[in-house]
């Protein structure tokens, strides 16, 4: 029997065990990669929806100001994922003619559009927030929006040096 060559049963078992450990590690890494890719896809979808909705809000000249308004995205645009948005349009903080005074009607101002886009992922609600700014003209209906708004202190000139 000394002329026979081959592997012993113990060598085959050790080789099989090593291969099983290697395959398990590779499958675990693959599962993690696929999970991360799916999460990124959902986040990218949310970002695309947020950009599209913000572009639509910026293009719409007349929007409700000072109160939230919202909507739901059609399933065709979300790939069947439940998703929606909520927005608020308000004057940008710190705008006034002088501390404690409201701007006069007809003057220019900057308004902030705050948008939150939400979607369902694996049974959990996920969301993303986005802000944009645009110019507007102050109307008499807007004046109550300036009540209680923080006012930035006026800039003081630096002391002259000799």
N, C-alpha and C. Protein backbone atom coordinates (compact mmCIF):
# COMPACT_ATOMS: atom_id res chain seq x y z
N UNK A 1 0.80 -1.18 0.00
CA UNK A 1 0.00 0.00 0.00
C UNK A 1 0.85 1.25 0.00
N UNK A 2 2.11 1.15 0.09
CA UNK A 2 2.96 2.33 0.15
C UNK A 2 3.05 3.05 -1.18
N UNK A 3 2.62 2.48 -2.28
CA UNK A 3 2.72 3.11 -3.58
C UNK A 3 1.50 3.97 -3.95
N UNK A 4 0.49 4.02 -3.14
CA UNK A 4 -0.71 4.78 -3.47
C UNK A 4 -0.54 6.24 -3.07
N UNK A 5 -1.05 7.12 -3.90
CA UNK A 5 -1.00 8.55 -3.60
C UNK A 5 -2.43 9.08 -3.53
N UNK A 6 -2.63 10.19 -2.77
CA UNK A 6 -3.96 10.80 -2.66
C UNK A 6 -4.07 11.57 -1.35
N UNK A 7 -5.25 12.07 -1.11
CA UNK A 7 -5.49 12.84 0.11
C UNK A 7 -6.15 11.97 1.15
N UNK A 8 -5.79 12.24 2.39
CA UNK A 8 -6.44 11.51 3.48
C UNK A 8 -7.78 12.16 3.76
N UNK A 9 -8.62 11.48 4.48
CA UNK A 9 -9.94 12.01 4.83
C UNK A 9 -9.80 13.29 5.64
N UNK A 10 -8.85 13.36 6.53
CA UNK A 10 -8.62 14.55 7.35
C UNK A 10 -8.26 15.76 6.48
N UNK A 11 -7.41 15.58 5.48
CA UNK A 11 -7.04 16.67 4.59
C UNK A 11 -8.23 17.18 3.79
N UNK A 12 -9.08 16.28 3.34
CA UNK A 12 -10.27 16.68 2.59
C UNK A 12 -11.22 17.47 3.49
N UNK A 13 -11.41 17.03 4.74
CA UNK A 13 -12.29 17.74 5.67
C UNK A 13 -11.76 19.14 5.98
N UNK A 14 -10.46 19.28 6.21
CA UNK A 14 -9.86 20.59 6.50
C UNK A 14 -10.02 21.52 5.28
N UNK A 15 -9.76 21.01 4.09
CA UNK A 15 -9.91 21.82 2.88
C UNK A 15 -11.36 22.27 2.69
N UNK A 16 -12.31 21.38 2.95
CA UNK A 16 -13.73 21.71 2.84
C UNK A 16 -14.11 22.78 3.86
N UNK A 17 -13.62 22.67 5.08
CA UNK A 17 -13.90 23.65 6.13
C UNK A 17 -13.35 25.02 5.74
N UNK A 18 -12.13 25.08 5.22
CA UNK A 18 -11.53 26.35 4.80
C UNK A 18 -12.33 26.98 3.66
N UNK A 19 -12.75 26.19 2.72
CA UNK A 19 -13.56 26.71 1.61
C UNK A 19 -14.91 27.23 2.12
N UNK A 20 -15.51 26.53 3.07
CA UNK A 20 -16.80 26.97 3.62
C UNK A 20 -16.64 28.31 4.32
N UNK A 21 -15.57 28.50 5.07
CA UNK A 21 -15.32 29.77 5.76
C UNK A 21 -15.12 30.88 4.74
N UNK A 22 -14.34 30.63 3.69
CA UNK A 22 -14.09 31.64 2.66
C UNK A 22 -15.37 32.02 1.92
N UNK A 23 -16.18 31.03 1.55
CA UNK A 23 -17.43 31.31 0.83
C UNK A 23 -18.40 32.08 1.71
N UNK A 24 -18.48 31.73 3.00
CA UNK A 24 -19.36 32.44 3.92
C UNK A 24 -18.94 33.91 4.02
N UNK A 25 -17.65 34.18 4.13
CA UNK A 25 -17.16 35.56 4.19
C UNK A 25 -17.48 36.33 2.92
N UNK A 26 -17.31 35.70 1.77
CA UNK A 26 -17.61 36.35 0.50
C UNK A 26 -19.10 36.65 0.36
N UNK A 27 -19.95 35.70 0.75
CA UNK A 27 -21.39 35.92 0.66
C UNK A 27 -21.85 37.03 1.61
N UNK A 28 -21.25 37.10 2.78
CA UNK A 28 -21.57 38.17 3.73
C UNK A 28 -21.18 39.53 3.16
N UNK A 29 -20.01 39.62 2.57
CA UNK A 29 -19.57 40.88 1.96
C UNK A 29 -20.48 41.26 0.79
N UNK A 30 -20.91 40.30 0.01
CA UNK A 30 -21.80 40.55 -1.12
C UNK A 30 -23.15 41.05 -0.63
N UNK A 31 -23.68 40.43 0.42
CA UNK A 31 -24.96 40.85 0.99
C UNK A 31 -24.89 42.29 1.50
N UNK A 32 -23.79 42.64 2.19
CA UNK A 32 -23.61 43.99 2.68
C UNK A 32 -23.52 44.99 1.54
N UNK A 33 -22.80 44.64 0.48
CA UNK A 33 -22.68 45.52 -0.68
C UNK A 33 -24.03 45.74 -1.34
N UNK A 34 -24.82 44.69 -1.50
CA UNK A 34 -26.15 44.83 -2.11
C UNK A 34 -27.08 45.67 -1.24
N UNK A 35 -26.98 45.50 0.07
CA UNK A 35 -27.80 46.29 0.99
C UNK A 35 -27.43 47.77 0.89
N UNK A 36 -26.15 48.07 0.86
CA UNK A 36 -25.70 49.47 0.73
C UNK A 36 -26.14 50.05 -0.61
N UNK A 37 -26.05 49.28 -1.67
CA UNK A 37 -26.48 49.75 -2.99
C UNK A 37 -27.98 50.04 -3.01
N UNK A 38 -28.77 49.21 -2.37
CA UNK A 38 -30.22 49.44 -2.32
C UNK A 38 -30.53 50.71 -1.53
N UNK A 39 -29.83 50.90 -0.40
CA UNK A 39 -30.04 52.10 0.41
C UNK A 39 -29.64 53.35 -0.37
N UNK A 40 -28.53 53.29 -1.09
CA UNK A 40 -28.10 54.42 -1.91
C UNK A 40 -29.11 54.71 -3.02
N UNK A 41 -29.67 53.67 -3.60
CA UNK A 41 -30.67 53.86 -4.65
C UNK A 41 -31.88 54.60 -4.09
N UNK A 42 -32.34 54.22 -2.91
CA UNK A 42 -33.48 54.89 -2.29
C UNK A 42 -33.15 56.34 -1.95
N UNK A 43 -31.94 56.60 -1.44
CA UNK A 43 -31.53 57.96 -1.12
C UNK A 43 -31.43 58.79 -2.39
N UNK A 44 -30.88 58.21 -3.44
CA UNK A 44 -30.77 58.92 -4.72
C UNK A 44 -32.16 59.23 -5.28
N UNK A 45 -33.09 58.30 -5.13
CA UNK A 45 -34.47 58.54 -5.57
C UNK A 45 -35.07 59.71 -4.77
N UNK A 46 -34.84 59.73 -3.46
CA UNK A 46 -35.35 60.84 -2.63
C UNK A 46 -34.74 62.17 -3.04
N UNK A 47 -33.45 62.18 -3.33
CA UNK A 47 -32.78 63.40 -3.76
C UNK A 47 -33.33 63.89 -5.10
N UNK A 48 -33.57 62.97 -6.02
CA UNK A 48 -34.13 63.33 -7.33
C UNK A 48 -35.54 63.91 -7.17
N UNK A 49 -36.35 63.28 -6.32
CA UNK A 49 -37.70 63.80 -6.07
C UNK A 49 -37.64 65.18 -5.43
N UNK A 50 -36.72 65.38 -4.49
CA UNK A 50 -36.59 66.68 -3.82
C UNK A 50 -36.17 67.76 -4.82
N UNK A 51 -35.21 67.47 -5.66
CA UNK A 51 -34.78 68.46 -6.66
C UNK A 51 -35.91 68.81 -7.62
N UNK A 52 -36.62 67.79 -8.08
CA UNK A 52 -37.72 68.02 -9.03
C UNK A 52 -38.81 68.87 -8.39
N UNK A 53 -39.18 68.54 -7.14
CA UNK A 53 -40.24 69.29 -6.47
C UNK A 53 -39.79 70.71 -6.17
N UNK A 54 -38.52 70.90 -5.78
CA UNK A 54 -38.02 72.25 -5.51
C UNK A 54 -38.01 73.08 -6.78
N UNK A 55 -37.62 72.49 -7.89
CA UNK A 55 -37.66 73.22 -9.17
C UNK A 55 -39.08 73.66 -9.50
N UNK A 56 -40.04 72.78 -9.24
CA UNK A 56 -41.44 73.12 -9.51
C UNK A 56 -41.90 74.25 -8.60
N UNK A 57 -41.53 74.20 -7.32
CA UNK A 57 -41.92 75.26 -6.38
C UNK A 57 -41.27 76.60 -6.76
N UNK A 58 -40.00 76.57 -7.16
CA UNK A 58 -39.32 77.80 -7.55
C UNK A 58 -39.95 78.41 -8.81
N UNK A 59 -40.43 77.58 -9.70
CA UNK A 59 -41.04 78.07 -10.94
C UNK A 59 -42.47 78.59 -10.72
N UNK A 60 -43.11 78.21 -9.63
CA UNK A 60 -44.47 78.66 -9.33
C UNK A 60 -44.39 79.99 -8.60
N UNK A 61 -44.87 81.05 -9.21
CA UNK A 61 -44.74 82.40 -8.62
C UNK A 61 -45.62 82.58 -7.39
N UNK A 62 -46.84 82.07 -7.41
CA UNK A 62 -47.76 82.30 -6.30
C UNK A 62 -47.86 81.00 -5.49
N UNK A 63 -47.32 81.06 -4.27
CA UNK A 63 -47.38 79.92 -3.35
C UNK A 63 -47.95 80.39 -2.03
N UNK A 64 -48.61 79.52 -1.29
CA UNK A 64 -49.08 79.92 0.05
C UNK A 64 -47.89 80.27 0.93
N UNK A 65 -47.96 81.38 1.64
CA UNK A 65 -46.85 81.81 2.48
C UNK A 65 -47.23 81.69 3.96
N UNK A 66 -46.26 81.32 4.76
CA UNK A 66 -46.46 81.29 6.20
C UNK A 66 -47.17 80.07 6.75
N UNK A 67 -47.57 79.15 5.89
CA UNK A 67 -48.24 77.94 6.36
C UNK A 67 -47.75 76.76 5.52
N UNK A 68 -47.62 75.60 6.13
CA UNK A 68 -47.15 74.43 5.37
C UNK A 68 -48.20 73.96 4.36
N UNK A 69 -47.74 73.46 3.24
CA UNK A 69 -48.59 72.80 2.26
C UNK A 69 -47.85 71.56 1.79
N UNK A 70 -48.60 70.56 1.33
CA UNK A 70 -47.98 69.27 1.05
C UNK A 70 -48.65 68.54 -0.09
N UNK A 71 -48.02 67.46 -0.52
CA UNK A 71 -48.56 66.64 -1.58
C UNK A 71 -47.93 65.25 -1.55
N UNK A 72 -48.43 64.37 -2.39
CA UNK A 72 -47.93 63.01 -2.50
C UNK A 72 -47.48 62.79 -3.94
N UNK A 73 -46.35 62.13 -4.11
CA UNK A 73 -45.84 61.84 -5.44
C UNK A 73 -46.61 60.67 -6.04
N UNK A 74 -46.91 60.71 -7.34
CA UNK A 74 -47.57 59.56 -7.97
C UNK A 74 -46.65 58.34 -7.97
N UNK A 75 -47.18 57.14 -7.81
CA UNK A 75 -46.34 55.94 -7.77
C UNK A 75 -45.49 55.74 -9.03
N UNK A 76 -45.95 56.27 -10.17
CA UNK A 76 -45.17 56.11 -11.41
C UNK A 76 -43.82 56.83 -11.32
N UNK A 77 -43.77 57.93 -10.57
CA UNK A 77 -42.52 58.69 -10.48
C UNK A 77 -41.61 58.20 -9.36
N UNK A 78 -42.14 57.35 -8.48
CA UNK A 78 -41.33 56.89 -7.35
C UNK A 78 -40.95 55.42 -7.44
N UNK A 79 -41.30 54.78 -8.53
CA UNK A 79 -41.02 53.35 -8.65
C UNK A 79 -41.89 52.51 -7.74
N UNK A 80 -43.10 53.01 -7.43
CA UNK A 80 -44.02 52.27 -6.58
C UNK A 80 -43.82 52.49 -5.09
N UNK A 81 -42.83 53.32 -4.72
CA UNK A 81 -42.56 53.59 -3.31
C UNK A 81 -43.47 54.72 -2.84
N UNK A 82 -44.06 54.57 -1.65
CA UNK A 82 -44.89 55.62 -1.09
C UNK A 82 -43.99 56.80 -0.73
N UNK A 83 -44.30 57.99 -1.27
CA UNK A 83 -43.47 59.17 -1.03
C UNK A 83 -44.31 60.44 -1.14
N UNK A 84 -43.88 61.49 -0.45
CA UNK A 84 -44.59 62.76 -0.49
C UNK A 84 -43.68 63.90 -0.10
N UNK A 85 -44.26 65.08 0.02
CA UNK A 85 -43.47 66.27 0.34
C UNK A 85 -44.30 67.24 1.17
N UNK A 86 -43.58 68.15 1.84
CA UNK A 86 -44.19 69.20 2.66
C UNK A 86 -43.30 70.42 2.51
N UNK A 87 -43.90 71.58 2.24
CA UNK A 87 -43.11 72.79 2.01
C UNK A 87 -43.68 73.96 2.80
N UNK A 88 -42.82 74.93 3.09
CA UNK A 88 -43.20 76.17 3.74
C UNK A 88 -42.46 77.30 3.05
N UNK A 89 -43.17 78.37 2.74
CA UNK A 89 -42.56 79.56 2.14
C UNK A 89 -42.71 80.69 3.15
N UNK A 90 -41.60 81.33 3.48
CA UNK A 90 -41.61 82.42 4.45
C UNK A 90 -40.50 83.41 4.12
N UNK A 91 -40.62 84.65 4.61
CA UNK A 91 -39.54 85.60 4.39
C UNK A 91 -38.25 85.09 5.04
N UNK A 92 -37.14 85.36 4.40
CA UNK A 92 -35.85 85.00 4.98
C UNK A 92 -35.62 85.85 6.21
N UNK A 93 -35.11 85.24 7.29
CA UNK A 93 -34.96 85.93 8.58
C UNK A 93 -34.05 87.14 8.49
N UNK A 94 -34.36 88.14 9.30
CA UNK A 94 -33.49 89.29 9.44
C UNK A 94 -33.72 90.39 8.44
N UNK A 95 -34.83 90.35 7.70
CA UNK A 95 -35.08 91.39 6.71
C UNK A 95 -36.03 92.44 7.29
N UNK A 96 -35.54 93.61 7.47
CA UNK A 96 -36.41 94.72 7.85
C UNK A 96 -35.70 96.01 7.49
N UNK A 97 -36.47 97.08 7.40
CA UNK A 97 -35.90 98.37 7.05
C UNK A 97 -35.02 98.87 8.18
N UNK A 98 -35.46 98.66 9.40
CA UNK A 98 -34.70 99.03 10.60
C UNK A 98 -35.11 98.06 11.69
N UNK A 99 -34.27 97.90 12.72
CA UNK A 99 -34.64 96.95 13.78
C UNK A 99 -36.02 97.24 14.35
N UNK A 100 -36.84 96.20 14.38
CA UNK A 100 -38.18 96.31 14.94
C UNK A 100 -39.23 96.81 13.97
N UNK A 101 -38.87 97.17 12.74
CA UNK A 101 -39.83 97.67 11.76
C UNK A 101 -40.04 96.64 10.66
N UNK A 102 -41.24 96.68 10.10
CA UNK A 102 -41.55 95.80 8.97
C UNK A 102 -41.15 96.49 7.67
N UNK A 103 -40.83 95.73 6.64
CA UNK A 103 -40.54 96.36 5.35
C UNK A 103 -41.82 96.95 4.76
N UNK A 104 -41.68 97.92 3.92
CA UNK A 104 -42.86 98.57 3.34
C UNK A 104 -43.32 97.78 2.11
N UNK A 105 -44.64 97.77 1.84
CA UNK A 105 -45.15 97.10 0.65
C UNK A 105 -44.48 97.67 -0.61
N UNK A 106 -44.17 96.79 -1.53
CA UNK A 106 -43.51 97.20 -2.76
C UNK A 106 -42.00 97.06 -2.72
N UNK A 107 -41.44 96.88 -1.52
CA UNK A 107 -39.98 96.71 -1.42
C UNK A 107 -39.60 95.27 -1.75
N UNK A 108 -38.35 95.09 -2.08
CA UNK A 108 -37.87 93.75 -2.44
C UNK A 108 -37.49 92.99 -1.18
N UNK A 109 -37.64 91.69 -1.24
CA UNK A 109 -37.27 90.82 -0.13
C UNK A 109 -36.78 89.49 -0.67
N UNK A 110 -36.24 88.68 0.22
CA UNK A 110 -35.83 87.31 -0.13
C UNK A 110 -36.72 86.37 0.67
N UNK A 111 -37.31 85.41 -0.03
CA UNK A 111 -38.11 84.43 0.69
C UNK A 111 -37.44 83.06 0.60
N UNK A 112 -37.63 82.31 1.67
CA UNK A 112 -37.03 80.97 1.77
C UNK A 112 -38.11 79.93 1.54
N UNK A 113 -37.78 78.95 0.70
CA UNK A 113 -38.67 77.81 0.49
C UNK A 113 -38.01 76.62 1.17
N UNK A 114 -38.66 76.10 2.20
CA UNK A 114 -38.15 74.94 2.93
C UNK A 114 -38.98 73.73 2.49
N UNK A 115 -38.29 72.70 2.01
CA UNK A 115 -38.96 71.51 1.48
C UNK A 115 -38.46 70.27 2.21
N UNK A 116 -39.41 69.45 2.65
CA UNK A 116 -39.07 68.13 3.20
C UNK A 116 -39.70 67.09 2.29
N UNK A 117 -38.89 66.16 1.80
CA UNK A 117 -39.37 65.04 1.00
C UNK A 117 -39.24 63.79 1.85
N UNK A 118 -40.28 62.97 1.89
CA UNK A 118 -40.26 61.73 2.67
C UNK A 118 -40.62 60.55 1.78
N UNK A 119 -40.17 59.38 2.20
CA UNK A 119 -40.50 58.13 1.51
C UNK A 119 -40.40 56.99 2.50
N UNK A 120 -41.02 55.88 2.14
CA UNK A 120 -40.99 54.67 2.98
C UNK A 120 -39.92 53.73 2.44
N UNK A 121 -39.08 53.27 3.35
CA UNK A 121 -38.04 52.30 2.98
C UNK A 121 -38.00 51.24 4.06
N UNK A 122 -38.26 50.01 3.68
CA UNK A 122 -38.26 48.87 4.61
C UNK A 122 -39.18 49.14 5.80
N UNK A 123 -40.34 49.73 5.53
CA UNK A 123 -41.32 49.97 6.59
C UNK A 123 -41.03 51.19 7.45
N UNK A 124 -39.92 51.87 7.20
CA UNK A 124 -39.56 53.05 8.00
C UNK A 124 -39.70 54.31 7.14
N UNK A 125 -40.09 55.39 7.78
CA UNK A 125 -40.18 56.68 7.07
C UNK A 125 -38.80 57.34 7.07
N UNK A 126 -38.34 57.68 5.90
CA UNK A 126 -37.06 58.38 5.73
C UNK A 126 -37.38 59.74 5.12
N UNK A 127 -36.54 60.74 5.38
CA UNK A 127 -36.81 62.06 4.83
C UNK A 127 -35.52 62.80 4.54
N UNK A 128 -35.68 63.87 3.76
CA UNK A 128 -34.57 64.71 3.36
C UNK A 128 -35.11 66.14 3.28
N UNK A 129 -34.32 67.12 3.74
CA UNK A 129 -34.76 68.51 3.71
C UNK A 129 -33.89 69.31 2.76
N UNK A 130 -34.50 70.31 2.15
CA UNK A 130 -33.83 71.12 1.16
C UNK A 130 -34.38 72.55 1.28
N UNK A 131 -33.50 73.55 1.18
CA UNK A 131 -33.90 74.95 1.22
C UNK A 131 -33.48 75.63 -0.07
N UNK A 132 -34.28 76.60 -0.51
CA UNK A 132 -33.94 77.42 -1.66
C UNK A 132 -34.43 78.84 -1.36
N UNK A 133 -33.86 79.79 -2.04
CA UNK A 133 -34.19 81.20 -1.81
C UNK A 133 -34.51 81.85 -3.15
N UNK A 134 -35.44 82.81 -3.12
CA UNK A 134 -35.77 83.56 -4.32
C UNK A 134 -36.24 84.96 -3.94
N UNK A 135 -36.13 85.86 -4.89
CA UNK A 135 -36.56 87.23 -4.66
C UNK A 135 -38.07 87.35 -4.78
N UNK A 136 -38.62 88.33 -4.06
CA UNK A 136 -40.06 88.60 -4.10
C UNK A 136 -40.29 90.06 -3.77
N UNK A 137 -41.48 90.52 -4.05
CA UNK A 137 -41.90 91.88 -3.71
C UNK A 137 -42.84 91.78 -2.52
N UNK A 138 -42.62 92.62 -1.51
CA UNK A 138 -43.47 92.62 -0.31
C UNK A 138 -44.85 93.16 -0.68
N UNK A 139 -45.89 92.41 -0.33
CA UNK A 139 -47.28 92.84 -0.52
C UNK A 139 -47.90 93.09 0.85
N UNK A 140 -48.97 93.84 0.93
CA UNK A 140 -49.60 94.08 2.24
C UNK A 140 -50.02 92.78 2.94
N UNK A 141 -50.38 91.75 2.16
CA UNK A 141 -50.78 90.48 2.77
C UNK A 141 -49.61 89.78 3.46
N UNK A 142 -48.39 90.10 3.06
CA UNK A 142 -47.19 89.46 3.64
C UNK A 142 -46.77 90.07 4.97
N UNK A 143 -47.22 91.29 5.28
CA UNK A 143 -46.72 91.99 6.47
C UNK A 143 -46.89 91.21 7.77
N UNK A 144 -48.00 90.48 7.99
CA UNK A 144 -48.10 89.70 9.23
C UNK A 144 -47.02 88.62 9.37
N UNK A 145 -46.44 88.17 8.25
CA UNK A 145 -45.38 87.16 8.32
C UNK A 145 -44.13 87.69 9.01
N UNK A 146 -43.97 89.01 9.05
CA UNK A 146 -42.78 89.60 9.65
C UNK A 146 -42.93 89.78 11.16
N UNK A 147 -44.14 89.58 11.71
CA UNK A 147 -44.34 89.69 13.16
C UNK A 147 -43.55 88.62 13.88
N UNK A 148 -42.82 88.99 14.88
CA UNK A 148 -42.07 88.03 15.69
C UNK A 148 -40.84 87.46 15.01
N UNK A 149 -40.51 87.97 13.84
CA UNK A 149 -39.33 87.47 13.14
C UNK A 149 -38.08 88.08 13.77
N UNK A 150 -37.03 87.27 14.02
CA UNK A 150 -35.81 87.84 14.58
C UNK A 150 -35.20 88.86 13.61
N UNK A 151 -34.70 89.93 14.17
CA UNK A 151 -34.11 90.99 13.36
C UNK A 151 -32.61 91.02 13.61
N UNK A 152 -31.86 91.12 12.54
CA UNK A 152 -30.41 91.20 12.68
C UNK A 152 -30.03 92.60 13.13
N UNK A 153 -29.08 92.68 14.05
CA UNK A 153 -28.61 93.98 14.51
C UNK A 153 -27.88 94.68 13.38
N UNK A 154 -28.03 96.03 13.30
CA UNK A 154 -27.34 96.73 12.24
C UNK A 154 -25.83 96.65 12.44
N UNK A 155 -25.11 96.65 11.34
CA UNK A 155 -23.66 96.60 11.40
C UNK A 155 -23.13 97.95 11.88
N UNK A 156 -22.18 97.90 12.78
CA UNK A 156 -21.56 99.14 13.26
C UNK A 156 -20.23 99.31 12.59
N UNK A 157 -19.90 100.53 12.15
CA UNK A 157 -18.62 100.72 11.48
C UNK A 157 -17.47 100.51 12.43
N UNK A 158 -16.39 99.98 11.91
CA UNK A 158 -15.20 99.75 12.74
C UNK A 158 -14.60 101.09 13.13
N UNK A 159 -14.02 101.13 14.31
CA UNK A 159 -13.38 102.35 14.80
C UNK A 159 -12.22 102.72 13.89
N UNK A 160 -12.13 104.02 13.60
CA UNK A 160 -11.04 104.46 12.73
C UNK A 160 -9.74 104.42 13.47
N UNK A 161 -8.73 103.99 12.79
CA UNK A 161 -7.41 103.92 13.42
C UNK A 161 -6.56 105.04 12.86
N UNK A 162 -5.67 105.63 13.72
CA UNK A 162 -4.85 106.75 13.25
C UNK A 162 -3.85 106.35 12.21
